[in-house]
């Protein structure tokens, strides 16, 4: 199963709120000027922040509680930046039902406007049945 393709933009305010929550004081997230001092074109997206776009998707499947996040992997294929449009899709694969539990893998893939893969977020989940 897959979600519909969804587009979104990360904004400076979102990045700064995210890094404040993490307690990250890296100056590359403070301003465009600070980022350029470190050789970047503008403010980059923190490595795991792309996982926050799950809230932008309409997910066509539901997982019955309990939902247990077994493990997660974030792969940054190329640097992502604020104010750029990215498109993504979430897929549900490797669904196996054992007794009353469902084991599955959700994969978030994010692409830039030229179709290059920027980010993969892979989550292995145990839940009740899929609805």
C-alpha atoms as a PDB file:
ATOM      1  CA  UNK A   1       0.000   0.000   0.000  1.00  0.00           C
ATOM      2  CA  UNK A   2       1.104   3.567  -0.646  1.00  0.00           C
ATOM      3  CA  UNK A   3      -0.024   7.053   0.216  1.00  0.00           C
ATOM      4  CA  UNK A   4      -0.733   9.658  -2.382  1.00  0.00           C
ATOM      5  CA  UNK A   5       2.292  11.705  -3.353  1.00  0.00           C
ATOM      6  CA  UNK A   6       2.481  14.818  -1.174  1.00  0.00           C
ATOM      7  CA  UNK A   7       4.557  17.985  -1.596  1.00  0.00           C
ATOM      8  CA  UNK A   8       5.827  20.262   1.146  1.00  0.00           C
ATOM      9  CA  UNK A   9       8.408  22.901   2.049  1.00  0.00           C
ATOM     10  CA  UNK A  10      10.467  23.146   5.237  1.00  0.00           C
ATOM     11  CA  UNK A  11      10.547  26.716   6.563  1.00  0.00           C
ATOM     12  CA  UNK A  12      13.205  28.423   8.665  1.00  0.00           C
ATOM     13  CA  UNK A  13      10.831  28.735  11.637  1.00  0.00           C
ATOM     14  CA  UNK A  14      10.099  24.991  11.584  1.00  0.00           C
ATOM     15  CA  UNK A  15      13.803  24.140  11.565  1.00  0.00           C
ATOM     16  CA  UNK A  16      14.564  26.534  14.398  1.00  0.00           C
ATOM     17  CA  UNK A  17      11.690  25.190  16.516  1.00  0.00           C
ATOM     18  CA  UNK A  18      12.880  21.619  15.858  1.00  0.00           C
ATOM     19  CA  UNK A  19      16.490  22.329  16.867  1.00  0.00           C
ATOM     20  CA  UNK A  20      15.363  24.215  19.998  1.00  0.00           C
ATOM     21  CA  UNK A  21      13.415  21.124  21.068  1.00  0.00           C
ATOM     22  CA  UNK A  22      16.527  19.001  20.480  1.00  0.00           C
ATOM     23  CA  UNK A  23      18.799  21.505  22.211  1.00  0.00           C
ATOM     24  CA  UNK A  24      21.030  21.688  19.131  1.00  0.00           C
ATOM     25  CA  UNK A  25      23.119  24.870  19.134  1.00  0.00           C
ATOM     26  CA  UNK A  26      24.821  24.338  15.775  1.00  0.00           C
ATOM     27  CA  UNK A  27      25.061  27.790  14.137  1.00  0.00           C
ATOM     28  CA  UNK A  28      24.232  26.441  10.659  1.00  0.00           C
ATOM     29  CA  UNK A  29      20.559  26.401  11.715  1.00  0.00           C
ATOM     30  CA  UNK A  30      20.493  29.994  13.029  1.00  0.00           C
ATOM     31  CA  UNK A  31      20.566  32.007   9.815  1.00  0.00           C
ATOM     32  CA  UNK A  32      21.350  31.907   6.127  1.00  0.00           C
ATOM     33  CA  UNK A  33      24.514  33.925   6.812  1.00  0.00           C
ATOM     34  CA  UNK A  34      25.748  31.437   9.407  1.00  0.00           C
ATOM     35  CA  UNK A  35      25.036  28.553   7.030  1.00  0.00           C
ATOM     36  CA  UNK A  36      26.988  30.210   4.221  1.00  0.00           C
ATOM     37  CA  UNK A  37      29.999  30.638   6.553  1.00  0.00           C
ATOM     38  CA  UNK A  38      30.077  26.832   6.709  1.00  0.00           C
ATOM     39  CA  UNK A  39      29.867  26.480   2.914  1.00  0.00           C
ATOM     40  CA  UNK A  40      26.133  25.779   2.659  1.00  0.00           C
ATOM     41  CA  UNK A  41      23.758  27.568   0.284  1.00  0.00           C
ATOM     42  CA  UNK A  42      21.213  28.233   3.041  1.00  0.00           C
ATOM     43  CA  UNK A  43      19.873  26.665   6.252  1.00  0.00           C
ATOM     44  CA  UNK A  44      19.943  22.849   6.000  1.00  0.00           C
ATOM     45  CA  UNK A  45      17.282  20.484   7.296  1.00  0.00           C
ATOM     46  CA  UNK A  46      18.505  18.558  10.395  1.00  0.00           C
ATOM     47  CA  UNK A  47      19.179  14.862   9.615  1.00  0.00           C
ATOM     48  CA  UNK A  48      16.072  13.263  11.216  1.00  0.00           C
ATOM     49  CA  UNK A  49      13.675  16.204  10.758  1.00  0.00           C
ATOM     50  CA  UNK A  50      12.212  14.868   7.481  1.00  0.00           C
ATOM     51  CA  UNK A  51      10.402  12.218   9.564  1.00  0.00           C
ATOM     52  CA  UNK A  52       8.168  15.042  10.856  1.00  0.00           C
ATOM     53  CA  UNK A  53       6.408  15.225   7.479  1.00  0.00           C
ATOM     54  CA  UNK A  54       4.339  12.167   8.380  1.00  0.00           C
ATOM     55  CA  UNK A  55       1.753  14.658   9.664  1.00  0.00           C
ATOM     56  CA  UNK A  56       1.393  16.028   6.094  1.00  0.00           C
ATOM     57  CA  UNK A  57       0.249  12.703   4.625  1.00  0.00           C
ATOM     58  CA  UNK A  58      -3.186  11.172   4.513  1.00  0.00           C
ATOM     59  CA  UNK A  59      -2.343   7.591   5.455  1.00  0.00           C
ATOM     60  CA  UNK A  60      -4.868   5.079   4.058  1.00  0.00           C
ATOM     61  CA  UNK A  61      -4.212   2.431   6.710  1.00  0.00           C
ATOM     62  CA  UNK A  62      -4.699   2.427  10.457  1.00  0.00           C
ATOM     63  CA  UNK A  63      -2.951   0.298  13.011  1.00  0.00           C
ATOM     64  CA  UNK A  64      -4.903  -1.047  15.934  1.00  0.00           C
ATOM     65  CA  UNK A  65      -3.182  -0.444  19.300  1.00  0.00           C
ATOM     66  CA  UNK A  66      -0.811  -1.301  20.749  1.00  0.00           C
ATOM     67  CA  UNK A  67       1.551   0.265  18.206  1.00  0.00           C
ATOM     68  CA  UNK A  68       5.211  -0.386  18.995  1.00  0.00           C
ATOM     69  CA  UNK A  69       7.986   1.304  17.062  1.00  0.00           C
ATOM     70  CA  UNK A  70      10.647  -1.429  16.981  1.00  0.00           C
ATOM     71  CA  UNK A  71      13.396   0.372  15.100  1.00  0.00           C
ATOM     72  CA  UNK A  72      13.922   3.291  12.777  1.00  0.00           C
ATOM     73  CA  UNK A  73      16.530   4.222  10.219  1.00  0.00           C
ATOM     74  CA  UNK A  74      17.002   7.656   8.640  1.00  0.00           C
ATOM     75  CA  UNK A  75      19.154   7.839   5.519  1.00  0.00           C
ATOM     76  CA  UNK A  76      20.098  11.226   4.103  1.00  0.00           C
ATOM     77  CA  UNK A  77      20.987  10.669   0.446  1.00  0.00           C
ATOM     78  CA  UNK A  78      21.624  14.350  -0.181  1.00  0.00           C
ATOM     79  CA  UNK A  79      21.406  17.544   1.863  1.00  0.00           C
ATOM     80  CA  UNK A  80      17.970  19.137   2.084  1.00  0.00           C
ATOM     81  CA  UNK A  81      17.410  22.875   2.597  1.00  0.00           C
ATOM     82  CA  UNK A  82      14.706  25.295   3.727  1.00  0.00           C
ATOM     83  CA  UNK A  83      12.362  26.909   1.190  1.00  0.00           C
ATOM     84  CA  UNK A  84      12.743  24.118  -1.370  1.00  0.00           C
ATOM     85  CA  UNK A  85       9.870  21.921  -2.506  1.00  0.00           C
ATOM     86  CA  UNK A  86      10.094  18.220  -1.762  1.00  0.00           C
ATOM     87  CA  UNK A  87       7.720  15.450  -2.761  1.00  0.00           C
ATOM     88  CA  UNK A  88       7.234  12.229  -0.891  1.00  0.00           C
ATOM     89  CA  UNK A  89       5.348   9.012  -0.521  1.00  0.00           C
ATOM     90  CA  UNK A  90       4.951   6.504   2.312  1.00  0.00           C
ATOM     91  CA  UNK A  91       4.649   2.794   1.591  1.00  0.00           C
ATOM     92  CA  UNK A  92       3.590  -0.072   3.838  1.00  0.00           C
ATOM     93  CA  UNK A  93       5.357  -3.352   3.066  1.00  0.00           C
ATOM     94  CA  UNK A  94       6.503  -6.598   4.610  1.00  0.00           C
ATOM     95  CA  UNK A  95       3.197  -7.082   6.434  1.00  0.00           C
ATOM     96  CA  UNK A  96       3.163 -10.305   8.433  1.00  0.00           C
ATOM     97  CA  UNK A  97       0.457 -11.312  10.914  1.00  0.00           C
ATOM     98  CA  UNK A  98       1.461 -13.581  13.804  1.00  0.00           C
ATOM     99  CA  UNK A  99      -1.250 -14.467  16.259  1.00  0.00           C
ATOM    100  CA  UNK A 100      -2.918 -11.133  17.027  1.00  0.00           C
ATOM    101  CA  UNK A 101       0.060  -8.927  16.085  1.00  0.00           C
ATOM    102  CA  UNK A 102       0.975  -7.331  12.773  1.00  0.00           C
ATOM    103  CA  UNK A 103       4.618  -6.747  11.865  1.00  0.00           C
ATOM    104  CA  UNK A 104       5.184  -4.201   9.096  1.00  0.00           C
ATOM    105  CA  UNK A 105       7.625  -1.796   7.544  1.00  0.00           C
ATOM    106  CA  UNK A 106       6.757   1.803   6.653  1.00  0.00           C
ATOM    107  CA  UNK A 107       9.097   3.623   4.302  1.00  0.00           C
ATOM    108  CA  UNK A 108       9.060   7.370   3.721  1.00  0.00           C
ATOM    109  CA  UNK A 109      10.841   8.488   0.538  1.00  0.00           C
ATOM    110  CA  UNK A 110      11.451  12.182  -0.179  1.00  0.00           C
ATOM    111  CA  UNK A 111      12.553  13.597  -3.533  1.00  0.00           C
ATOM    112  CA  UNK A 112      13.640  17.030  -4.712  1.00  0.00           C
ATOM    113  CA  UNK A 113      12.065  18.780  -7.715  1.00  0.00           C
ATOM    114  CA  UNK A 114      14.445  17.055 -10.137  1.00  0.00           C
ATOM    115  CA  UNK A 115      13.437  13.605  -8.882  1.00  0.00           C
ATOM    116  CA  UNK A 116      16.595  12.887  -6.890  1.00  0.00           C
ATOM    117  CA  UNK A 117      16.085  10.823  -3.745  1.00  0.00           C
ATOM    118  CA  UNK A 118      16.991  13.000  -0.727  1.00  0.00           C
ATOM    119  CA  UNK A 119      15.780  10.993   2.266  1.00  0.00           C
ATOM    120  CA  UNK A 120      14.622   7.513   3.255  1.00  0.00           C
ATOM    121  CA  UNK A 121      12.962   6.923   6.605  1.00  0.00           C
ATOM    122  CA  UNK A 122      12.353   3.281   7.443  1.00  0.00           C
ATOM    123  CA  UNK A 123      10.237   2.267  10.442  1.00  0.00           C
ATOM    124  CA  UNK A 124       9.667  -1.290  11.624  1.00  0.00           C
ATOM    125  CA  UNK A 125       6.420  -1.488  13.550  1.00  0.00           C
ATOM    126  CA  UNK A 126       4.479  -4.039  15.594  1.00  0.00           C
ATOM    127  CA  UNK A 127       0.773  -3.371  16.028  1.00  0.00           C
ATOM    128  CA  UNK A 128      -2.574  -4.951  16.395  1.00  0.00           C
ATOM    129  CA  UNK A 129      -4.404  -5.677  13.170  1.00  0.00           C
ATOM    130  CA  UNK A 130      -4.377  -3.237  10.260  1.00  0.00           C
ATOM    131  CA  UNK A 131      -7.641  -1.426   9.666  1.00  0.00           C
END
